[in-house]
All heavy atoms as atom14 arrays in JSON, in Angstrom:
{
  "sequence": "RTETQAKLLSGDGRDHYRAVPGTSLKVGDV",
  "atom14_mask": [
    [1, 1, 1, 1, 1, 1, 1, 1, 1, 1, 1, 0, 0, 0],
    [1, 1, 1, 1, 1, 1, 1, 0, 0, 0, 0, 0, 0, 0],
    [1, 1, 1, 1, 1, 1, 1, 1, 1, 0, 0, 0, 0, 0],
    [1, 1, 1, 1, 1, 1, 1, 0, 0, 0, 0, 0, 0, 0],
    [1, 1, 1, 1, 1, 1, 1, 1, 1, 0, 0, 0, 0, 0],
    [1, 1, 1, 1, 1, 0, 0, 0, 0, 0, 0, 0, 0, 0],
    [1, 1, 1, 1, 1, 1, 1, 1, 1, 0, 0, 0, 0, 0],
    [1, 1, 1, 1, 1, 1, 1, 1, 0, 0, 0, 0, 0, 0],
    [1, 1, 1, 1, 1, 1, 1, 1, 0, 0, 0, 0, 0, 0],
    [1, 1, 1, 1, 1, 1, 0, 0, 0, 0, 0, 0, 0, 0],
    [1, 1, 1, 1, 0, 0, 0, 0, 0, 0, 0, 0, 0, 0],
    [1, 1, 1, 1, 1, 1, 1, 1, 0, 0, 0, 0, 0, 0],
    [1, 1, 1, 1, 0, 0, 0, 0, 0, 0, 0, 0, 0, 0],
    [1, 1, 1, 1, 1, 1, 1, 1, 1, 1, 1, 0, 0, 0],
    [1, 1, 1, 1, 1, 1, 1, 1, 0, 0, 0, 0, 0, 0],
    [1, 1, 1, 1, 1, 1, 1, 1, 1, 1, 0, 0, 0, 0],
    [1, 1, 1, 1, 1, 1, 1, 1, 1, 1, 1, 1, 0, 0],
    [1, 1, 1, 1, 1, 1, 1, 1, 1, 1, 1, 0, 0, 0],
    [1, 1, 1, 1, 1, 0, 0, 0, 0, 0, 0, 0, 0, 0],
    [1, 1, 1, 1, 1, 1, 1, 0, 0, 0, 0, 0, 0, 0],
    [1, 1, 1, 1, 1, 1, 1, 0, 0, 0, 0, 0, 0, 0],
    [1, 1, 1, 1, 0, 0, 0, 0, 0, 0, 0, 0, 0, 0],
    [1, 1, 1, 1, 1, 1, 1, 0, 0, 0, 0, 0, 0, 0],
    [1, 1, 1, 1, 1, 1, 0, 0, 0, 0, 0, 0, 0, 0],
    [1, 1, 1, 1, 1, 1, 1, 1, 0, 0, 0, 0, 0, 0],
    [1, 1, 1, 1, 1, 1, 1, 1, 1, 0, 0, 0, 0, 0],
    [1, 1, 1, 1, 1, 1, 1, 0, 0, 0, 0, 0, 0, 0],
    [1, 1, 1, 1, 0, 0, 0, 0, 0, 0, 0, 0, 0, 0],
    [1, 1, 1, 1, 1, 1, 1, 1, 0, 0, 0, 0, 0, 0],
    [1, 1, 1, 1, 1, 1, 1, 0, 0, 0, 0, 0, 0, 0]
  ],
  "atom14_positions": [
    [[43.88, -33.9, 28.22], [44.31, -32.74, 27.45], [45.78, -32.47, 27.75], [46.16, -32.17, 28.87], [43.45, -31.53, 27.83], [43.7, -30.33, 26.93], [42.75, -29.2, 27.28], [42.88, -28.84, 28.67], [42.12, -27.92, 29.26], [41.17, -27.32, 28.59], [42.29, -27.63, 30.52], [0.0, 0.0, 0.0], [0.0, 0.0, 0.0], [0.0, 0.0, 0.0]],
    [[46.61, -32.59, 26.77], [48.05, -32.41, 26.96], [48.55, -31.25, 26.11], [47.87, -30.77, 25.21], [48.81, -33.69, 26.55], [48.51, -33.97, 25.19], [48.4, -34.86, 27.42], [0.0, 0.0, 0.0], [0.0, 0.0, 0.0], [0.0, 0.0, 0.0], [0.0, 0.0, 0.0], [0.0, 0.0, 0.0], [0.0, 0.0, 0.0], [0.0, 0.0, 0.0]],
    [[49.74, -30.8, 26.41], [50.37, -29.75, 25.6], [50.9, -30.41, 24.34], [51.99, -30.99, 24.33], [51.5, -29.09, 26.4], [52.16, -27.94, 25.67], [51.2, -26.78, 25.42], [50.28, -26.57, 26.23], [51.36, -26.11, 24.39], [0.0, 0.0, 0.0], [0.0, 0.0, 0.0], [0.0, 0.0, 0.0], [0.0, 0.0, 0.0], [0.0, 0.0, 0.0]],
    [[50.12, -30.36, 23.28], [50.42, -31.08, 22.06], [51.21, -30.21, 21.09], [50.92, -29.02, 20.93], [49.11, -31.54, 21.39], [48.35, -32.27, 22.34], [49.39, -32.39, 20.18], [0.0, 0.0, 0.0], [0.0, 0.0, 0.0], [0.0, 0.0, 0.0], [0.0, 0.0, 0.0], [0.0, 0.0, 0.0], [0.0, 0.0, 0.0], [0.0, 0.0, 0.0]],
    [[52.19, -30.81, 20.42], [52.91, -30.14, 19.35], [52.18, -30.4, 18.03], [51.78, -31.52, 17.74], [54.34, -30.66, 19.25], [55.23, -30.23, 20.42], [55.51, -28.73, 20.39], [54.95, -27.93, 21.03], [56.39, -28.34, 19.65], [0.0, 0.0, 0.0], [0.0, 0.0, 0.0], [0.0, 0.0, 0.0], [0.0, 0.0, 0.0], [0.0, 0.0, 0.0]],
    [[51.99, -29.36, 17.26], [51.26, -29.47, 16.0], [52.21, -29.28, 14.82], [53.19, -28.53, 14.92], [50.15, -28.43, 15.94], [0.0, 0.0, 0.0], [0.0, 0.0, 0.0], [0.0, 0.0, 0.0], [0.0, 0.0, 0.0], [0.0, 0.0, 0.0], [0.0, 0.0, 0.0], [0.0, 0.0, 0.0], [0.0, 0.0, 0.0], [0.0, 0.0, 0.0]],
    [[51.9, -29.96, 13.72], [52.68, -29.83, 12.49], [51.95, -28.84, 11.58], [51.06, -29.22, 10.82], [52.84, -31.18, 11.82], [53.6, -32.2, 12.68], [53.6, -33.58, 12.04], [54.36, -34.58, 12.91], [54.3, -35.96, 12.36], [0.0, 0.0, 0.0], [0.0, 0.0, 0.0], [0.0, 0.0, 0.0], [0.0, 0.0, 0.0], [0.0, 0.0, 0.0]],
    [[52.3, -27.56, 11.69], [51.63, -26.51, 10.95], [52.16, -26.49, 9.52], [53.34, -26.26, 9.27], [51.86, -25.16, 11.61], [51.23, -23.94, 10.94], [49.7, -24.08, 10.91], [51.64, -22.66, 11.65], [0.0, 0.0, 0.0], [0.0, 0.0, 0.0], [0.0, 0.0, 0.0], [0.0, 0.0, 0.0], [0.0, 0.0, 0.0], [0.0, 0.0, 0.0]],
    [[51.26, -26.74, 8.56], [51.66, -26.79, 7.14], [51.77, -25.38, 6.57], [50.99, -24.48, 6.91], [50.64, -27.6, 6.35], [50.61, -29.11, 6.66], [49.36, -29.75, 6.08], [51.85, -29.8, 6.13], [0.0, 0.0, 0.0], [0.0, 0.0, 0.0], [0.0, 0.0, 0.0], [0.0, 0.0, 0.0], [0.0, 0.0, 0.0], [0.0, 0.0, 0.0]],
    [[52.73, -25.23, 5.66], [52.94, -23.93, 5.03], [52.58, -23.94, 3.55], [52.72, -22.93, 2.87], [54.4, -23.49, 5.2], [55.28, -24.49, 4.67], [0.0, 0.0, 0.0], [0.0, 0.0, 0.0], [0.0, 0.0, 0.0], [0.0, 0.0, 0.0], [0.0, 0.0, 0.0], [0.0, 0.0, 0.0], [0.0, 0.0, 0.0], [0.0, 0.0, 0.0]],
    [[52.14, -25.08, 3.05], [51.76, -25.16, 1.64], [50.67, -26.19, 1.45], [50.05, -26.67, 2.41], [0.0, 0.0, 0.0], [0.0, 0.0, 0.0], [0.0, 0.0, 0.0], [0.0, 0.0, 0.0], [0.0, 0.0, 0.0], [0.0, 0.0, 0.0], [0.0, 0.0, 0.0], [0.0, 0.0, 0.0], [0.0, 0.0, 0.0], [0.0, 0.0, 0.0]],
    [[50.43, -26.57, 0.19], [49.39, -27.55, -0.11], [49.87, -28.98, 0.08], [49.05, -29.89, 0.17], [48.9, -27.36, -1.55], [48.19, -26.04, -1.74], [47.65, -25.52, -0.74], [48.2, -25.53, -2.88], [0.0, 0.0, 0.0], [0.0, 0.0, 0.0], [0.0, 0.0, 0.0], [0.0, 0.0, 0.0], [0.0, 0.0, 0.0], [0.0, 0.0, 0.0]],
    [[51.17, -29.21, 0.13], [51.68, -30.56, 0.27], [51.81, -30.98, 1.73], [51.37, -30.28, 2.64], [0.0, 0.0, 0.0], [0.0, 0.0, 0.0], [0.0, 0.0, 0.0], [0.0, 0.0, 0.0], [0.0, 0.0, 0.0], [0.0, 0.0, 0.0], [0.0, 0.0, 0.0], [0.0, 0.0, 0.0], [0.0, 0.0, 0.0], [0.0, 0.0, 0.0]],
    [[52.46, -32.13, 1.92], [52.64, -32.65, 3.27], [54.09, -32.54, 3.74], [54.41, -32.94, 4.86], [52.22, -34.12, 3.33], [50.74, -34.34, 3.15], [50.37, -35.76, 3.54], [50.86, -36.74, 2.58], [51.4, -37.91, 2.9], [51.58, -38.22, 4.16], [51.79, -38.75, 1.97], [0.0, 0.0, 0.0], [0.0, 0.0, 0.0], [0.0, 0.0, 0.0]],
    [[54.95, -32.02, 2.91], [56.38, -32.04, 3.22], [56.85, -30.81, 3.98], [57.85, -30.87, 4.7], [57.19, -32.17, 1.92], [56.85, -33.45, 1.17], [56.52, -34.44, 1.86], [56.89, -33.44, -0.08], [0.0, 0.0, 0.0], [0.0, 0.0, 0.0], [0.0, 0.0, 0.0], [0.0, 0.0, 0.0], [0.0, 0.0, 0.0], [0.0, 0.0, 0.0]],
    [[56.18, -29.7, 3.83], [56.66, -28.46, 4.42], [55.79, -28.08, 5.63], [54.67, -27.58, 5.47], [56.64, -27.33, 3.38], [57.47, -27.64, 2.17], [58.85, -27.68, 2.2], [57.11, -27.96, 0.9], [59.31, -28.0, 1.0], [58.28, -28.18, 0.19], [0.0, 0.0, 0.0], [0.0, 0.0, 0.0], [0.0, 0.0, 0.0], [0.0, 0.0, 0.0]],
    [[56.31, -28.33, 6.78], [55.6, -27.95, 8.0], [56.63, -27.61, 9.08], [57.81, -27.95, 8.99], [54.69, -29.08, 8.5], [55.38, -30.36, 8.9], [55.97, -30.5, 10.16], [55.45, -31.45, 8.02], [56.61, -31.67, 10.53], [56.09, -32.62, 8.38], [56.66, -32.72, 9.64], [57.3, -33.88, 10.01], [0.0, 0.0, 0.0], [0.0, 0.0, 0.0]],
    [[56.14, -26.95, 10.12], [56.99, -26.65, 11.26], [56.22, -26.97, 12.54], [54.99, -26.82, 12.61], [57.43, -25.19, 11.25], [56.32, -24.17, 11.22], [56.86, -22.75, 10.97], [55.78, -21.79, 10.8], [55.25, -21.09, 11.82], [55.71, -21.27, 13.05], [54.27, -20.22, 11.59], [0.0, 0.0, 0.0], [0.0, 0.0, 0.0], [0.0, 0.0, 0.0]],
    [[56.95, -27.42, 13.54], [56.34, -27.79, 14.81], [56.03, -26.54, 15.63], [56.91, -25.69, 15.83], [57.26, -28.72, 15.59], [0.0, 0.0, 0.0], [0.0, 0.0, 0.0], [0.0, 0.0, 0.0], [0.0, 0.0, 0.0], [0.0, 0.0, 0.0], [0.0, 0.0, 0.0], [0.0, 0.0, 0.0], [0.0, 0.0, 0.0], [0.0, 0.0, 0.0]],
    [[54.8, -26.43, 16.08], [54.38, -25.29, 16.91], [53.53, -25.83, 18.05], [52.94, -26.92, 17.95], [53.56, -24.26, 16.09], [54.39, -23.7, 14.95], [52.26, -24.89, 15.56], [0.0, 0.0, 0.0], [0.0, 0.0, 0.0], [0.0, 0.0, 0.0], [0.0, 0.0, 0.0], [0.0, 0.0, 0.0], [0.0, 0.0, 0.0], [0.0, 0.0, 0.0]],
    [[53.43, -25.12, 19.17], [52.54, -25.55, 20.26], [51.09, -25.56, 19.79], [50.66, -24.65, 19.05], [52.77, -24.51, 21.35], [54.08, -23.87, 21.02], [54.19, -23.91, 19.53], [0.0, 0.0, 0.0], [0.0, 0.0, 0.0], [0.0, 0.0, 0.0], [0.0, 0.0, 0.0], [0.0, 0.0, 0.0], [0.0, 0.0, 0.0], [0.0, 0.0, 0.0]],
    [[50.34, -26.57, 20.19], [48.94, -26.66, 19.79], [48.13, -25.46, 20.25], [47.16, -25.07, 19.59], [0.0, 0.0, 0.0], [0.0, 0.0, 0.0], [0.0, 0.0, 0.0], [0.0, 0.0, 0.0], [0.0, 0.0, 0.0], [0.0, 0.0, 0.0], [0.0, 0.0, 0.0], [0.0, 0.0, 0.0], [0.0, 0.0, 0.0], [0.0, 0.0, 0.0]],
    [[48.54, -24.85, 21.38], [47.79, -23.7, 21.91], [47.97, -22.45, 21.06], [47.24, -21.47, 21.24], [48.24, -23.4, 23.34], [49.67, -23.26, 23.37], [47.83, -24.53, 24.28], [0.0, 0.0, 0.0], [0.0, 0.0, 0.0], [0.0, 0.0, 0.0], [0.0, 0.0, 0.0], [0.0, 0.0, 0.0], [0.0, 0.0, 0.0], [0.0, 0.0, 0.0]],
    [[48.94, -22.45, 20.15], [49.18, -21.26, 19.32], [48.4, -21.29, 18.02], [48.44, -20.32, 17.25], [50.68, -21.13, 19.01], [51.1, -22.17, 18.13], [0.0, 0.0, 0.0], [0.0, 0.0, 0.0], [0.0, 0.0, 0.0], [0.0, 0.0, 0.0], [0.0, 0.0, 0.0], [0.0, 0.0, 0.0], [0.0, 0.0, 0.0], [0.0, 0.0, 0.0]],
    [[47.69, -22.38, 17.74], [46.96, -22.5, 16.48], [45.78, -21.54, 16.43], [45.1, -21.3, 17.43], [46.47, -23.94, 16.29], [47.56, -25.0, 16.12], [46.94, -26.39, 16.13], [48.34, -24.76, 14.82], [0.0, 0.0, 0.0], [0.0, 0.0, 0.0], [0.0, 0.0, 0.0], [0.0, 0.0, 0.0], [0.0, 0.0, 0.0], [0.0, 0.0, 0.0]],
    [[45.54, -21.0, 15.24], [44.43, -20.09, 15.03], [43.42, -20.73, 14.09], [43.73, -21.68, 13.36], [44.93, -18.77, 14.42], [46.01, -18.07, 15.22], [46.39, -16.74, 14.59], [46.99, -16.9, 13.2], [48.26, -17.65, 13.2], [0.0, 0.0, 0.0], [0.0, 0.0, 0.0], [0.0, 0.0, 0.0], [0.0, 0.0, 0.0], [0.0, 0.0, 0.0]],
    [[42.21, -20.2, 14.11], [41.16, -20.69, 13.21], [41.62, -20.5, 11.77], [42.09, -19.42, 11.39], [39.84, -19.93, 13.45], [38.79, -20.36, 12.43], [39.34, -20.17, 14.86], [0.0, 0.0, 0.0], [0.0, 0.0, 0.0], [0.0, 0.0, 0.0], [0.0, 0.0, 0.0], [0.0, 0.0, 0.0], [0.0, 0.0, 0.0], [0.0, 0.0, 0.0]],
    [[41.54, -21.55, 10.98], [41.95, -21.5, 9.59], [43.3, -22.11, 9.32], [43.63, -22.41, 8.16], [0.0, 0.0, 0.0], [0.0, 0.0, 0.0], [0.0, 0.0, 0.0], [0.0, 0.0, 0.0], [0.0, 0.0, 0.0], [0.0, 0.0, 0.0], [0.0, 0.0, 0.0], [0.0, 0.0, 0.0], [0.0, 0.0, 0.0], [0.0, 0.0, 0.0]],
    [[44.12, -22.31, 10.38], [45.41, -22.98, 10.19], [45.19, -24.4, 9.71], [44.19, -25.05, 10.07], [46.2, -23.0, 11.5], [46.8, -21.63, 11.84], [46.83, -20.78, 10.94], [47.22, -21.43, 12.99], [0.0, 0.0, 0.0], [0.0, 0.0, 0.0], [0.0, 0.0, 0.0], [0.0, 0.0, 0.0], [0.0, 0.0, 0.0], [0.0, 0.0, 0.0]],
    [[46.12, -24.91, 8.92], [46.04, -26.29, 8.42], [47.22, -27.06, 8.99], [48.38, -26.64, 8.89], [46.07, -26.33, 6.88], [46.04, -27.78, 6.38], [44.87, -25.56, 6.32], [0.0, 0.0, 0.0], [0.0, 0.0, 0.0], [0.0, 0.0, 0.0], [0.0, 0.0, 0.0], [0.0, 0.0, 0.0], [0.0, 0.0, 0.0], [0.0, 0.0, 0.0]]
  ]
}
């Protein structure tokens, strides 16, 4: 288990995302 960076999407496509810590993800995030 590592401190993983996640690519949090902000739309329906794959182009718009921002890097966030994996520990900050909430249920329902894509």
